Amino acid sequence: ATPNWFKDAVMYQIFVDRFCNGHDEGKIL
C-alpha cells in the first residue's frame, strides 16, 4: 500500500533560488 494521505494531496515543486527571497530588501544570504 502507499500512504492514503498522499493520494489526496496536491504537490508544488520549488526551485528554491528562483521562488522567493524572504528579505524584502532583496538581501543575499
mmCIF file of all heavy atoms, coordinates in Angstrom:
data_MODEL
# 
_entry.id   MODEL 
# 
loop_
_atom_site.group_PDB 
_atom_site.id 
_atom_site.type_symbol 
_atom_site.label_atom_id 
_atom_site.label_alt_id 
_atom_site.label_comp_id 
_atom_site.label_asym_id 
_atom_site.label_entity_id 
_atom_site.label_seq_id 
_atom_site.pdbx_PDB_ins_code 
_atom_site.Cartn_x 
_atom_site.Cartn_y 
_atom_site.Cartn_z 
_atom_site.occupancy 
_atom_site.B_iso_or_equiv 
_atom_site.pdbx_formal_charge 
_atom_site.auth_seq_id 
_atom_site.auth_comp_id 
_atom_site.auth_asym_id 
_atom_site.auth_atom_id 
_atom_site.pdbx_PDB_model_num 
ATOM 1   N N   . ALA A 1 1  ? 0.854  -1.190 0.000   1.00 0.00 ? 1  ALA A N   1 
ATOM 2   C CA  . ALA A 1 1  ? 0.000  0.000  0.000   1.00 0.00 ? 1  ALA A CA  1 
ATOM 3   C C   . ALA A 1 1  ? 0.885  1.233  0.000   1.00 0.00 ? 1  ALA A C   1 
ATOM 4   O O   . ALA A 1 1  ? 2.048  1.183  0.418   1.00 0.00 ? 1  ALA A O   1 
ATOM 5   C CB  . ALA A 1 1  ? -0.929 0.016  1.212   1.00 0.00 ? 1  ALA A CB  1 
ATOM 6   N N   . THR A 1 2  ? 0.355  2.322  -0.480  1.00 0.00 ? 2  THR A N   1 
ATOM 7   C CA  . THR A 1 2  ? 1.020  3.616  -0.407  1.00 0.00 ? 2  THR A CA  1 
ATOM 8   C C   . THR A 1 2  ? 0.202  4.502  0.520   1.00 0.00 ? 2  THR A C   1 
ATOM 9   O O   . THR A 1 2  ? -1.002 4.283  0.689   1.00 0.00 ? 2  THR A O   1 
ATOM 10  C CB  . THR A 1 2  ? 1.139  4.251  -1.797  1.00 0.00 ? 2  THR A CB  1 
ATOM 11  O OG1 . THR A 1 2  ? -0.176 4.397  -2.359  1.00 0.00 ? 2  THR A OG1 1 
ATOM 12  C CG2 . THR A 1 2  ? 1.972  3.389  -2.730  1.00 0.00 ? 2  THR A CG2 1 
ATOM 13  N N   . PRO A 1 3  ? 0.816  5.508  1.145   1.00 0.00 ? 3  PRO A N   1 
ATOM 14  C CA  . PRO A 1 3  ? 0.090  6.327  2.133   1.00 0.00 ? 3  PRO A CA  1 
ATOM 15  C C   . PRO A 1 3  ? -1.168 6.972  1.545   1.00 0.00 ? 3  PRO A C   1 
ATOM 16  O O   . PRO A 1 3  ? -1.107 7.649  0.513   1.00 0.00 ? 3  PRO A O   1 
ATOM 17  C CB  . PRO A 1 3  ? 1.120  7.378  2.546   1.00 0.00 ? 3  PRO A CB  1 
ATOM 18  C CG  . PRO A 1 3  ? 2.441  6.709  2.323   1.00 0.00 ? 3  PRO A CG  1 
ATOM 19  C CD  . PRO A 1 3  ? 2.249  5.871  1.083   1.00 0.00 ? 3  PRO A CD  1 
ATOM 20  N N   . ASN A 1 4  ? -2.285 6.763  2.210   1.00 0.00 ? 4  ASN A N   1 
ATOM 21  C CA  . ASN A 1 4  ? -3.546 7.299  1.700   1.00 0.00 ? 4  ASN A CA  1 
ATOM 22  C C   . ASN A 1 4  ? -3.575 8.821  1.690   1.00 0.00 ? 4  ASN A C   1 
ATOM 23  O O   . ASN A 1 4  ? -4.172 9.433  0.801   1.00 0.00 ? 4  ASN A O   1 
ATOM 24  C CB  . ASN A 1 4  ? -4.719 6.745  2.515   1.00 0.00 ? 4  ASN A CB  1 
ATOM 25  C CG  . ASN A 1 4  ? -5.016 5.295  2.190   1.00 0.00 ? 4  ASN A CG  1 
ATOM 26  O OD1 . ASN A 1 4  ? -4.845 4.854  1.063   1.00 0.00 ? 4  ASN A OD1 1 
ATOM 27  N ND2 . ASN A 1 4  ? -5.450 4.535  3.183   1.00 0.00 ? 4  ASN A ND2 1 
ATOM 28  N N   . TRP A 1 5  ? -2.930 9.446  2.680   1.00 0.00 ? 5  TRP A N   1 
ATOM 29  C CA  . TRP A 1 5  ? -2.943 10.911 2.714   1.00 0.00 ? 5  TRP A CA  1 
ATOM 30  C C   . TRP A 1 5  ? -2.300 11.492 1.457   1.00 0.00 ? 5  TRP A C   1 
ATOM 31  O O   . TRP A 1 5  ? -2.719 12.546 0.962   1.00 0.00 ? 5  TRP A O   1 
ATOM 32  C CB  . TRP A 1 5  ? -2.208 11.437 3.954   1.00 0.00 ? 5  TRP A CB  1 
ATOM 33  C CG  . TRP A 1 5  ? -0.708 11.270 3.901   1.00 0.00 ? 5  TRP A CG  1 
ATOM 34  C CD1 . TRP A 1 5  ? 0.027  10.235 4.372   1.00 0.00 ? 5  TRP A CD1 1 
ATOM 35  C CD2 . TRP A 1 5  ? 0.236  12.188 3.320   1.00 0.00 ? 5  TRP A CD2 1 
ATOM 36  N NE1 . TRP A 1 5  ? 1.369  10.431 4.134   1.00 0.00 ? 5  TRP A NE1 1 
ATOM 37  C CE2 . TRP A 1 5  ? 1.526  11.627 3.487   1.00 0.00 ? 5  TRP A CE2 1 
ATOM 38  C CE3 . TRP A 1 5  ? 0.110  13.421 2.684   1.00 0.00 ? 5  TRP A CE3 1 
ATOM 39  C CZ2 . TRP A 1 5  ? 2.683  12.257 3.039   1.00 0.00 ? 5  TRP A CZ2 1 
ATOM 40  C CZ3 . TRP A 1 5  ? 1.277  14.053 2.224   1.00 0.00 ? 5  TRP A CZ3 1 
ATOM 41  C CH2 . TRP A 1 5  ? 2.538  13.475 2.410   1.00 0.00 ? 5  TRP A CH2 1 
ATOM 42  N N   . PHE A 1 6  ? -1.292 10.777 0.938   1.00 0.00 ? 6  PHE A N   1 
ATOM 43  C CA  . PHE A 1 6  ? -0.571 11.276 -0.224  1.00 0.00 ? 6  PHE A CA  1 
ATOM 44  C C   . PHE A 1 6  ? -1.447 11.231 -1.472  1.00 0.00 ? 6  PHE A C   1 
ATOM 45  O O   . PHE A 1 6  ? -1.355 12.111 -2.338  1.00 0.00 ? 6  PHE A O   1 
ATOM 46  C CB  . PHE A 1 6  ? 0.700  10.453 -0.419  1.00 0.00 ? 6  PHE A CB  1 
ATOM 47  C CG  . PHE A 1 6  ? 1.607  10.980 -1.495  1.00 0.00 ? 6  PHE A CG  1 
ATOM 48  C CD1 . PHE A 1 6  ? 2.206  12.218 -1.372  1.00 0.00 ? 6  PHE A CD1 1 
ATOM 49  C CD2 . PHE A 1 6  ? 1.868  10.232 -2.638  1.00 0.00 ? 6  PHE A CD2 1 
ATOM 50  C CE1 . PHE A 1 6  ? 3.046  12.713 -2.366  1.00 0.00 ? 6  PHE A CE1 1 
ATOM 51  C CE2 . PHE A 1 6  ? 2.702  10.710 -3.630  1.00 0.00 ? 6  PHE A CE2 1 
ATOM 52  C CZ  . PHE A 1 6  ? 3.298  11.955 -3.492  1.00 0.00 ? 6  PHE A CZ  1 
ATOM 53  N N   . LYS A 1 7  ? -2.310 10.229 -1.575  1.00 0.00 ? 7  LYS A N   1 
ATOM 54  C CA  . LYS A 1 7  ? -3.195 10.130 -2.734  1.00 0.00 ? 7  LYS A CA  1 
ATOM 55  C C   . LYS A 1 7  ? -4.163 11.312 -2.805  1.00 0.00 ? 7  LYS A C   1 
ATOM 56  O O   . LYS A 1 7  ? -4.683 11.632 -3.867  1.00 0.00 ? 7  LYS A O   1 
ATOM 57  C CB  . LYS A 1 7  ? -3.992 8.829  -2.685  1.00 0.00 ? 7  LYS A CB  1 
ATOM 58  C CG  . LYS A 1 7  ? -3.150 7.559  -2.653  1.00 0.00 ? 7  LYS A CG  1 
ATOM 59  C CD  . LYS A 1 7  ? -4.039 6.332  -2.654  1.00 0.00 ? 7  LYS A CD  1 
ATOM 60  C CE  . LYS A 1 7  ? -3.273 5.041  -2.468  1.00 0.00 ? 7  LYS A CE  1 
ATOM 61  N NZ  . LYS A 1 7  ? -2.927 4.773  -1.062  1.00 0.00 ? 7  LYS A NZ  1 
ATOM 62  N N   . ASP A 1 8  ? -4.415 11.938 -1.658  1.00 0.00 ? 8  ASP A N   1 
ATOM 63  C CA  . ASP A 1 8  ? -5.327 13.079 -1.604  1.00 0.00 ? 8  ASP A CA  1 
ATOM 64  C C   . ASP A 1 8  ? -4.619 14.413 -1.827  1.00 0.00 ? 8  ASP A C   1 
ATOM 65  O O   . ASP A 1 8  ? -5.257 15.465 -1.834  1.00 0.00 ? 8  ASP A O   1 
ATOM 66  C CB  . ASP A 1 8  ? -6.028 13.131 -0.240  1.00 0.00 ? 8  ASP A CB  1 
ATOM 67  C CG  . ASP A 1 8  ? -7.090 12.053 -0.083  1.00 0.00 ? 8  ASP A CG  1 
ATOM 68  O OD1 . ASP A 1 8  ? -7.632 11.600 -1.110  1.00 0.00 ? 8  ASP A OD1 1 
ATOM 69  O OD2 . ASP A 1 8  ? -7.378 11.667 1.065   1.00 0.00 ? 8  ASP A OD2 1 
ATOM 70  N N   . ALA A 1 9  ? -3.311 14.388 -2.009  1.00 0.00 ? 9  ALA A N   1 
ATOM 71  C CA  . ALA A 1 9  ? -2.520 15.613 -1.991  1.00 0.00 ? 9  ALA A CA  1 
ATOM 72  C C   . ALA A 1 9  ? -2.477 16.315 -3.343  1.00 0.00 ? 9  ALA A C   1 
ATOM 73  O O   . ALA A 1 9  ? -2.723 15.725 -4.395  1.00 0.00 ? 9  ALA A O   1 
ATOM 74  C CB  . ALA A 1 9  ? -1.097 15.299 -1.529  1.00 0.00 ? 9  ALA A CB  1 
ATOM 75  N N   . VAL A 1 10 ? -2.134 17.596 -3.293  1.00 0.00 ? 10 VAL A N   1 
ATOM 76  C CA  . VAL A 1 10 ? -1.730 18.380 -4.461  1.00 0.00 ? 10 VAL A CA  1 
ATOM 77  C C   . VAL A 1 10 ? -0.336 18.909 -4.139  1.00 0.00 ? 10 VAL A C   1 
ATOM 78  O O   . VAL A 1 10 ? -0.123 19.529 -3.103  1.00 0.00 ? 10 VAL A O   1 
ATOM 79  C CB  . VAL A 1 10 ? -2.698 19.539 -4.759  1.00 0.00 ? 10 VAL A CB  1 
ATOM 80  C CG1 . VAL A 1 10 ? -2.184 20.362 -5.941  1.00 0.00 ? 10 VAL A CG1 1 
ATOM 81  C CG2 . VAL A 1 10 ? -4.099 19.010 -5.044  1.00 0.00 ? 10 VAL A CG2 1 
ATOM 82  N N   . MET A 1 11 ? 0.613  18.654 -5.029  1.00 0.00 ? 11 MET A N   1 
ATOM 83  C CA  . MET A 1 11 ? 2.032  18.940 -4.782  1.00 0.00 ? 11 MET A CA  1 
ATOM 84  C C   . MET A 1 11 ? 2.482  20.193 -5.531  1.00 0.00 ? 11 MET A C   1 
ATOM 85  O O   . MET A 1 11 ? 1.938  20.535 -6.577  1.00 0.00 ? 11 MET A O   1 
ATOM 86  C CB  . MET A 1 11 ? 2.855  17.727 -5.209  1.00 0.00 ? 11 MET A CB  1 
ATOM 87  C CG  . MET A 1 11 ? 4.336  17.822 -4.915  1.00 0.00 ? 11 MET A CG  1 
ATOM 88  S SD  . MET A 1 11 ? 5.272  16.394 -5.564  1.00 0.00 ? 11 MET A SD  1 
ATOM 89  C CE  . MET A 1 11 ? 4.642  15.106 -4.505  1.00 0.00 ? 11 MET A CE  1 
ATOM 90  N N   . TYR A 1 12 ? 3.494  20.833 -4.966  1.00 0.00 ? 12 TYR A N   1 
ATOM 91  C CA  . TYR A 1 12 ? 4.068  22.034 -5.576  1.00 0.00 ? 12 TYR A CA  1 
ATOM 92  C C   . TYR A 1 12 ? 5.578  21.921 -5.502  1.00 0.00 ? 12 TYR A C   1 
ATOM 93  O O   . TYR A 1 12 ? 6.144  21.747 -4.424  1.00 0.00 ? 12 TYR A O   1 
ATOM 94  C CB  . TYR A 1 12 ? 3.591  23.274 -4.821  1.00 0.00 ? 12 TYR A CB  1 
ATOM 95  C CG  . TYR A 1 12 ? 3.843  24.598 -5.488  1.00 0.00 ? 12 TYR A CG  1 
ATOM 96  C CD1 . TYR A 1 12 ? 2.923  25.128 -6.391  1.00 0.00 ? 12 TYR A CD1 1 
ATOM 97  C CD2 . TYR A 1 12 ? 4.975  25.347 -5.196  1.00 0.00 ? 12 TYR A CD2 1 
ATOM 98  C CE1 . TYR A 1 12 ? 3.129  26.367 -6.990  1.00 0.00 ? 12 TYR A CE1 1 
ATOM 99  C CE2 . TYR A 1 12 ? 5.187  26.589 -5.782  1.00 0.00 ? 12 TYR A CE2 1 
ATOM 100 C CZ  . TYR A 1 12 ? 4.267  27.084 -6.680  1.00 0.00 ? 12 TYR A CZ  1 
ATOM 101 O OH  . TYR A 1 12 ? 4.472  28.322 -7.275  1.00 0.00 ? 12 TYR A OH  1 
ATOM 102 N N   . GLN A 1 13 ? 6.251  21.983 -6.661  1.00 0.00 ? 13 GLN A N   1 
ATOM 103 C CA  . GLN A 1 13 ? 7.709  21.859 -6.707  1.00 0.00 ? 13 GLN A CA  1 
ATOM 104 C C   . GLN A 1 13 ? 8.360  23.231 -6.703  1.00 0.00 ? 13 GLN A C   1 
ATOM 105 O O   . GLN A 1 13 ? 7.996  24.111 -7.493  1.00 0.00 ? 13 GLN A O   1 
ATOM 106 C CB  . GLN A 1 13 ? 8.147  21.089 -7.955  1.00 0.00 ? 13 GLN A CB  1 
ATOM 107 C CG  . GLN A 1 13 ? 9.670  20.971 -8.052  1.00 0.00 ? 13 GLN A CG  1 
ATOM 108 C CD  . GLN A 1 13 ? 10.144 20.335 -9.340  1.00 0.00 ? 13 GLN A CD  1 
ATOM 109 O OE1 . GLN A 1 13 ? 9.353  19.808 -10.103 1.00 0.00 ? 13 GLN A OE1 1 
ATOM 110 N NE2 . GLN A 1 13 ? 11.437 20.396 -9.587  1.00 0.00 ? 13 GLN A NE2 1 
ATOM 111 N N   . ILE A 1 14 ? 9.347  23.407 -5.822  1.00 0.00 ? 14 ILE A N   1 
ATOM 112 C CA  . ILE A 1 14 ? 10.027 24.701 -5.681  1.00 0.00 ? 14 ILE A CA  1 
ATOM 113 C C   . ILE A 1 14 ? 11.523 24.554 -5.923  1.00 0.00 ? 14 ILE A C   1 
ATOM 114 O O   . ILE A 1 14 ? 12.199 23.776 -5.249  1.00 0.00 ? 14 ILE A O   1 
ATOM 115 C CB  . ILE A 1 14 ? 9.787  25.301 -4.283  1.00 0.00 ? 14 ILE A CB  1 
ATOM 116 C CG1 . ILE A 1 14 ? 8.298  25.628 -4.096  1.00 0.00 ? 14 ILE A CG1 1 
ATOM 117 C CG2 . ILE A 1 14 ? 10.636 26.555 -4.073  1.00 0.00 ? 14 ILE A CG2 1 
ATOM 118 C CD1 . ILE A 1 14 ? 7.960  26.171 -2.726  1.00 0.00 ? 14 ILE A CD1 1 
ATOM 119 N N   . PHE A 1 15 ? 12.027 25.316 -6.869  1.00 0.00 ? 15 PHE A N   1 
ATOM 120 C CA  . PHE A 1 15 ? 13.461 25.500 -7.079  1.00 0.00 ? 15 PHE A CA  1 
ATOM 121 C C   . PHE A 1 15 ? 13.832 26.721 -6.240  1.00 0.00 ? 15 PHE A C   1 
ATOM 122 O O   . PHE A 1 15 ? 13.540 27.859 -6.615  1.00 0.00 ? 15 PHE A O   1 
ATOM 123 C CB  . PHE A 1 15 ? 13.718 25.731 -8.570  1.00 0.00 ? 15 PHE A CB  1 
ATOM 124 C CG  . PHE A 1 15 ? 15.143 25.581 -8.996  1.00 0.00 ? 15 PHE A CG  1 
ATOM 125 C CD1 . PHE A 1 15 ? 15.632 24.345 -9.390  1.00 0.00 ? 15 PHE A CD1 1 
ATOM 126 C CD2 . PHE A 1 15 ? 15.998 26.669 -9.018  1.00 0.00 ? 15 PHE A CD2 1 
ATOM 127 C CE1 . PHE A 1 15 ? 16.949 24.201 -9.801  1.00 0.00 ? 15 PHE A CE1 1 
ATOM 128 C CE2 . PHE A 1 15 ? 17.312 26.531 -9.421  1.00 0.00 ? 15 PHE A CE2 1 
ATOM 129 C CZ  . PHE A 1 15 ? 17.803 25.296 -9.813  1.00 0.00 ? 15 PHE A CZ  1 
ATOM 130 N N   . VAL A 1 16 ? 14.429 26.489 -5.101  1.00 0.00 ? 16 VAL A N   1 
ATOM 131 C CA  . VAL A 1 16 ? 14.458 27.491 -4.024  1.00 0.00 ? 16 VAL A CA  1 
ATOM 132 C C   . VAL A 1 16 ? 15.060 28.818 -4.447  1.00 0.00 ? 16 VAL A C   1 
ATOM 133 O O   . VAL A 1 16 ? 14.512 29.887 -4.134  1.00 0.00 ? 16 VAL A O   1 
ATOM 134 C CB  . VAL A 1 16 ? 15.200 26.919 -2.795  1.00 0.00 ? 16 VAL A CB  1 
ATOM 135 C CG1 . VAL A 1 16 ? 15.303 27.969 -1.693  1.00 0.00 ? 16 VAL A CG1 1 
ATOM 136 C CG2 . VAL A 1 16 ? 14.468 25.687 -2.268  1.00 0.00 ? 16 VAL A CG2 1 
ATOM 137 N N   . ASP A 1 17 ? 16.182 28.822 -5.150  1.00 0.00 ? 17 ASP A N   1 
ATOM 138 C CA  . ASP A 1 17 ? 16.843 30.078 -5.508  1.00 0.00 ? 17 ASP A CA  1 
ATOM 139 C C   . ASP A 1 17 ? 15.965 30.968 -6.373  1.00 0.00 ? 17 ASP A C   1 
ATOM 140 O O   . ASP A 1 17 ? 16.177 32.182 -6.436  1.00 0.00 ? 17 ASP A O   1 
ATOM 141 C CB  . ASP A 1 17 ? 18.159 29.786 -6.238  1.00 0.00 ? 17 ASP A CB  1 
ATOM 142 C CG  . ASP A 1 17 ? 18.891 31.056 -6.617  1.00 0.00 ? 17 ASP A CG  1 
ATOM 143 O OD1 . ASP A 1 17 ? 19.291 31.802 -5.703  1.00 0.00 ? 17 ASP A OD1 1 
ATOM 144 O OD2 . ASP A 1 17 ? 19.049 31.310 -7.834  1.00 0.00 ? 17 ASP A OD2 1 
ATOM 145 N N   . ARG A 1 18 ? 14.949 30.392 -7.032  1.00 0.00 ? 18 ARG A N   1 
ATOM 146 C CA  . ARG A 1 18 ? 14.151 31.158 -8.005  1.00 0.00 ? 18 ARG A CA  1 
ATOM 147 C C   . ARG A 1 18 ? 12.721 31.414 -7.538  1.00 0.00 ? 18 ARG A C   1 
ATOM 148 O O   . ARG A 1 18 ? 11.932 31.968 -8.300  1.00 0.00 ? 18 ARG A O   1 
ATOM 149 C CB  . ARG A 1 18 ? 14.127 30.413 -9.354  1.00 0.00 ? 18 ARG A CB  1 
ATOM 150 C CG  . ARG A 1 18 ? 15.497 29.943 -9.827  1.00 0.00 ? 18 ARG A CG  1 
ATOM 151 C CD  . ARG A 1 18 ? 16.450 31.099 -10.087 1.00 0.00 ? 18 ARG A CD  1 
ATOM 152 N NE  . ARG A 1 18 ? 17.846 30.709 -10.110 1.00 0.00 ? 18 ARG A NE  1 
ATOM 153 C CZ  . ARG A 1 18 ? 18.498 30.225 -11.149 1.00 0.00 ? 18 ARG A CZ  1 
ATOM 154 N NH1 . ARG A 1 18 ? 17.847 30.014 -12.278 1.00 0.00 ? 18 ARG A NH1 1 
ATOM 155 N NH2 . ARG A 1 18 ? 19.775 29.938 -11.078 1.00 0.00 ? 18 ARG A NH2 1 
ATOM 156 N N   . PHE A 1 19 ? 12.382 30.999 -6.320  1.00 0.00 ? 19 PHE A N   1 
ATOM 157 C CA  . PHE A 1 19 ? 10.986 31.122 -5.896  1.00 0.00 ? 19 PHE A CA  1 
ATOM 158 C C   . PHE A 1 19 ? 10.711 32.450 -5.194  1.00 0.00 ? 19 PHE A C   1 
ATOM 159 O O   . PHE A 1 19 ? 9.864  33.227 -5.622  1.00 0.00 ? 19 PHE A O   1 
ATOM 160 C CB  . PHE A 1 19 ? 10.605 29.956 -4.990  1.00 0.00 ? 19 PHE A CB  1 
ATOM 161 C CG  . PHE A 1 19 ? 9.164  29.962 -4.565  1.00 0.00 ? 19 PHE A CG  1 
ATOM 162 C CD1 . PHE A 1 19 ? 8.140  29.894 -5.506  1.00 0.00 ? 19 PHE A CD1 1 
ATOM 163 C CD2 . PHE A 1 19 ? 8.818  30.033 -3.221  1.00 0.00 ? 19 PHE A CD2 1 
ATOM 164 C CE1 . PHE A 1 19 ? 6.806  29.898 -5.117  1.00 0.00 ? 19 PHE A CE1 1 
ATOM 165 C CE2 . PHE A 1 19 ? 7.487  30.034 -2.826  1.00 0.00 ? 19 PHE A CE2 1 
ATOM 166 C CZ  . PHE A 1 19 ? 6.484  29.968 -3.776  1.00 0.00 ? 19 PHE A CZ  1 
ATOM 167 N N   . CYS A 1 20 ? 11.410 32.720 -4.118  1.00 0.00 ? 20 CYS A N   1 
ATOM 168 C CA  . CYS A 1 20 ? 11.157 33.963 -3.385  1.00 0.00 ? 20 CYS A CA  1 
ATOM 169 C C   . CYS A 1 20 ? 12.317 34.259 -2.438  1.00 0.00 ? 20 CYS A C   1 
ATOM 170 O O   . CYS A 1 20 ? 12.781 33.372 -1.732  1.00 0.00 ? 20 CYS A O   1 
ATOM 171 C CB  . CYS A 1 20 ? 9.858  33.855 -2.591  1.00 0.00 ? 20 CYS A CB  1 
ATOM 172 S SG  . CYS A 1 20 ? 9.479  35.320 -1.596  1.00 0.00 ? 20 CYS A SG  1 
ATOM 173 N N   . ASN A 1 21 ? 12.758 35.515 -2.433  1.00 0.00 ? 21 ASN A N   1 
ATOM 174 C CA  . ASN A 1 21 ? 13.717 35.987 -1.438  1.00 0.00 ? 21 ASN A CA  1 
ATOM 175 C C   . ASN A 1 21 ? 12.917 36.537 -0.267  1.00 0.00 ? 21 ASN A C   1 
ATOM 176 O O   . ASN A 1 21 ? 12.171 37.500 -0.416  1.00 0.00 ? 21 ASN A O   1 
ATOM 177 C CB  . ASN A 1 21 ? 14.620 37.067 -2.032  1.00 0.00 ? 21 ASN A CB  1 
ATOM 178 C CG  . ASN A 1 21 ? 15.741 37.476 -1.095  1.00 0.00 ? 21 ASN A CG  1 
ATOM 179 O OD1 . ASN A 1 21 ? 15.622 37.376 0.127   1.00 0.00 ? 21 ASN A OD1 1 
ATOM 180 N ND2 . ASN A 1 21 ? 16.843 37.943 -1.666  1.00 0.00 ? 21 ASN A ND2 1 
ATOM 181 N N   . GLY A 1 22 ? 13.056 35.903 0.888   1.00 0.00 ? 22 GLY A N   1 
ATOM 182 C CA  . GLY A 1 22 ? 12.256 36.304 2.045   1.00 0.00 ? 22 GLY A CA  1 
ATOM 183 C C   . GLY A 1 22 ? 12.632 37.628 2.646   1.00 0.00 ? 22 GLY A C   1 
ATOM 184 O O   . GLY A 1 22 ? 11.912 38.150 3.507   1.00 0.00 ? 22 GLY A O   1 
ATOM 185 N N   . HIS A 1 23 ? 13.740 38.226 2.206   1.00 0.00 ? 23 HIS A N   1 
ATOM 186 C CA  . HIS A 1 23 ? 14.149 39.542 2.700   1.00 0.00 ? 23 HIS A CA  1 
ATOM 187 C C   . HIS A 1 23 ? 13.597 40.612 1.774   1.00 0.00 ? 23 HIS A C   1 
ATOM 188 O O   . HIS A 1 23 ? 13.924 40.645 0.584   1.00 0.00 ? 23 HIS A O   1 
ATOM 189 C CB  . HIS A 1 23 ? 15.675 39.632 2.785   1.00 0.00 ? 23 HIS A CB  1 
ATOM 190 C CG  . HIS A 1 23 ? 16.267 38.642 3.740   1.00 0.00 ? 23 HIS A CG  1 
ATOM 191 N ND1 . HIS A 1 23 ? 16.316 38.853 5.098   1.00 0.00 ? 23 HIS A ND1 1 
ATOM 192 C CD2 . HIS A 1 23 ? 16.816 37.421 3.527   1.00 0.00 ? 23 HIS A CD2 1 
ATOM 193 C CE1 . HIS A 1 23 ? 16.892 37.805 5.689   1.00 0.00 ? 23 HIS A CE1 1 
ATOM 194 N NE2 . HIS A 1 23 ? 17.191 36.926 4.756   1.00 0.00 ? 23 HIS A NE2 1 
ATOM 195 N N   . ASP A 1 24 ? 12.767 41.474 2.312   1.00 0.00 ? 24 ASP A N   1 
ATOM 196 C CA  . ASP A 1 24 ? 12.089 42.480 1.494   1.00 0.00 ? 24 ASP A CA  1 
ATOM 197 C C   . ASP A 1 24 ? 13.059 43.339 0.697   1.00 0.00 ? 24 ASP A C   1 
ATOM 198 O O   . ASP A 1 24 ? 12.765 43.778 -0.415  1.00 0.00 ? 24 ASP A O   1 
ATOM 199 C CB  . ASP A 1 24 ? 11.214 43.370 2.374   1.00 0.00 ? 24 ASP A CB  1 
ATOM 200 C CG  . ASP A 1 24 ? 10.055 42.603 3.010   1.00 0.00 ? 24 ASP A CG  1 
ATOM 201 O OD1 . ASP A 1 24 ? 9.667  41.572 2.432   1.00 0.00 ? 24 ASP A OD1 1 
ATOM 202 O OD2 . ASP A 1 24 ? 9.565  43.037 4.067   1.00 0.00 ? 24 ASP A OD2 1 
ATOM 203 N N   . GLU A 1 25 ? 14.216 43.620 1.276   1.00 0.00 ? 25 GLU A N   1 
ATOM 204 C CA  . GLU A 1 25 ? 15.181 44.479 0.594   1.00 0.00 ? 25 GLU A CA  1 
ATOM 205 C C   . GLU A 1 25 ? 16.022 43.711 -0.429  1.00 0.00 ? 25 GLU A C   1 
ATOM 206 O O   . GLU A 1 25 ? 16.935 44.280 -1.051  1.00 0.00 ? 25 GLU A O   1 
ATOM 207 C CB  . GLU A 1 25 ? 16.108 45.150 1.624   1.00 0.00 ? 25 GLU A CB  1 
ATOM 208 C CG  . GLU A 1 25 ? 17.084 44.211 2.327   1.00 0.00 ? 25 GLU A CG  1 
ATOM 209 C CD  . GLU A 1 25 ? 16.482 43.397 3.460   1.00 0.00 ? 25 GLU A CD  1 
ATOM 210 O OE1 . GLU A 1 25 ? 15.236 43.411 3.612   1.00 0.00 ? 25 GLU A OE1 1 
ATOM 211 O OE2 . GLU A 1 25 ? 17.247 42.750 4.196   1.00 0.00 ? 25 GLU A OE2 1 
ATOM 212 N N   . GLY A 1 26 ? 15.740 42.410 -0.597  1.00 0.00 ? 26 GLY A N   1 
ATOM 213 C CA  . GLY A 1 26 ? 16.458 41.614 -1.578  1.00 0.00 ? 26 GLY A CA  1 
ATOM 214 C C   . GLY A 1 26 ? 17.846 41.197 -1.144  1.00 0.00 ? 26 GLY A C   1 
ATOM 215 O O   . GLY A 1 26 ? 18.694 40.846 -1.976  1.00 0.00 ? 26 GLY A O   1 
ATOM 216 N N   . LYS A 1 27 ? 18.095 41.187 0.130   1.00 0.00 ? 27 LYS A N   1 
ATOM 217 C CA  . LYS A 1 27 ? 19.407 40.809 0.657   1.00 0.00 ? 27 LYS A CA  1 
ATOM 218 C C   . LYS A 1 27 ? 19.765 39.384 0.243   1.00 0.00 ? 27 LYS A C   1 
ATOM 219 O O   . LYS A 1 27 ? 18.940 38.478 0.292   1.00 0.00 ? 27 LYS A O   1 
ATOM 220 C CB  . LYS A 1 27 ? 19.384 40.927 2.178   1.00 0.00 ? 27 LYS A CB  1 
ATOM 221 C CG  . LYS A 1 27 ? 20.637 40.433 2.881   1.00 0.00 ? 27 LYS A CG  1 
ATOM 222 C CD  . LYS A 1 27 ? 20.454 40.505 4.395   1.00 0.00 ? 27 LYS A CD  1 
ATOM 223 C CE  . LYS A 1 27 ? 21.636 39.895 5.123   1.00 0.00 ? 27 LYS A CE  1 
ATOM 224 N NZ  . LYS A 1 27 ? 21.442 39.919 6.602   1.00 0.00 ? 27 LYS A NZ  1 
ATOM 225 N N   . ILE A 1 28 ? 21.018 39.176 -0.151  1.00 0.00 ? 28 ILE A N   1 
ATOM 226 C CA  . ILE A 1 28 ? 21.536 37.855 -0.485  1.00 0.00 ? 28 ILE A CA  1 
ATOM 227 C C   . ILE A 1 28 ? 22.224 37.286 0.745   1.00 0.00 ? 28 ILE A C   1 
ATOM 228 O O   . ILE A 1 28 ? 23.135 37.911 1.312   1.00 0.00 ? 28 ILE A O   1 
ATOM 229 C CB  . ILE A 1 28 ? 22.537 37.911 -1.653  1.00 0.00 ? 28 ILE A CB  1 
ATOM 230 C CG1 . ILE A 1 28 ? 21.896 38.557 -2.887  1.00 0.00 ? 28 ILE A CG1 1 
ATOM 231 C CG2 . ILE A 1 28 ? 23.053 36.515 -1.970  1.00 0.00 ? 28 ILE A CG2 1 
ATOM 232 C CD1 . ILE A 1 28 ? 20.790 37.757 -3.513  1.00 0.00 ? 28 ILE A CD1 1 
ATOM 233 N N   . LEU A 1 29 ? 21.795 36.110 1.173   1.00 0.00 ? 29 LEU A N   1 
ATOM 234 C CA  . LEU A 1 29 ? 22.383 35.491 2.358   1.00 0.00 ? 29 LEU A CA  1 
ATOM 235 C C   . LEU A 1 29 ? 23.735 34.855 2.031   1.00 0.00 ? 29 LEU A C   1 
ATOM 236 O O   . LEU A 1 29 ? 23.842 34.130 1.046   1.00 0.00 ? 29 LEU A O   1 
ATOM 237 C CB  . LEU A 1 29 ? 21.445 34.413 2.907   1.00 0.00 ? 29 LEU A CB  1 
ATOM 238 C CG  . LEU A 1 29 ? 20.076 34.853 3.436   1.00 0.00 ? 29 LEU A CG  1 
ATOM 239 C CD1 . LEU A 1 29 ? 19.276 33.625 3.850   1.00 0.00 ? 29 LEU A CD1 1 
ATOM 240 C CD2 . LEU A 1 29 ? 20.236 35.803 4.611   1.00 0.00 ? 29 LEU A CD2 1 
# 
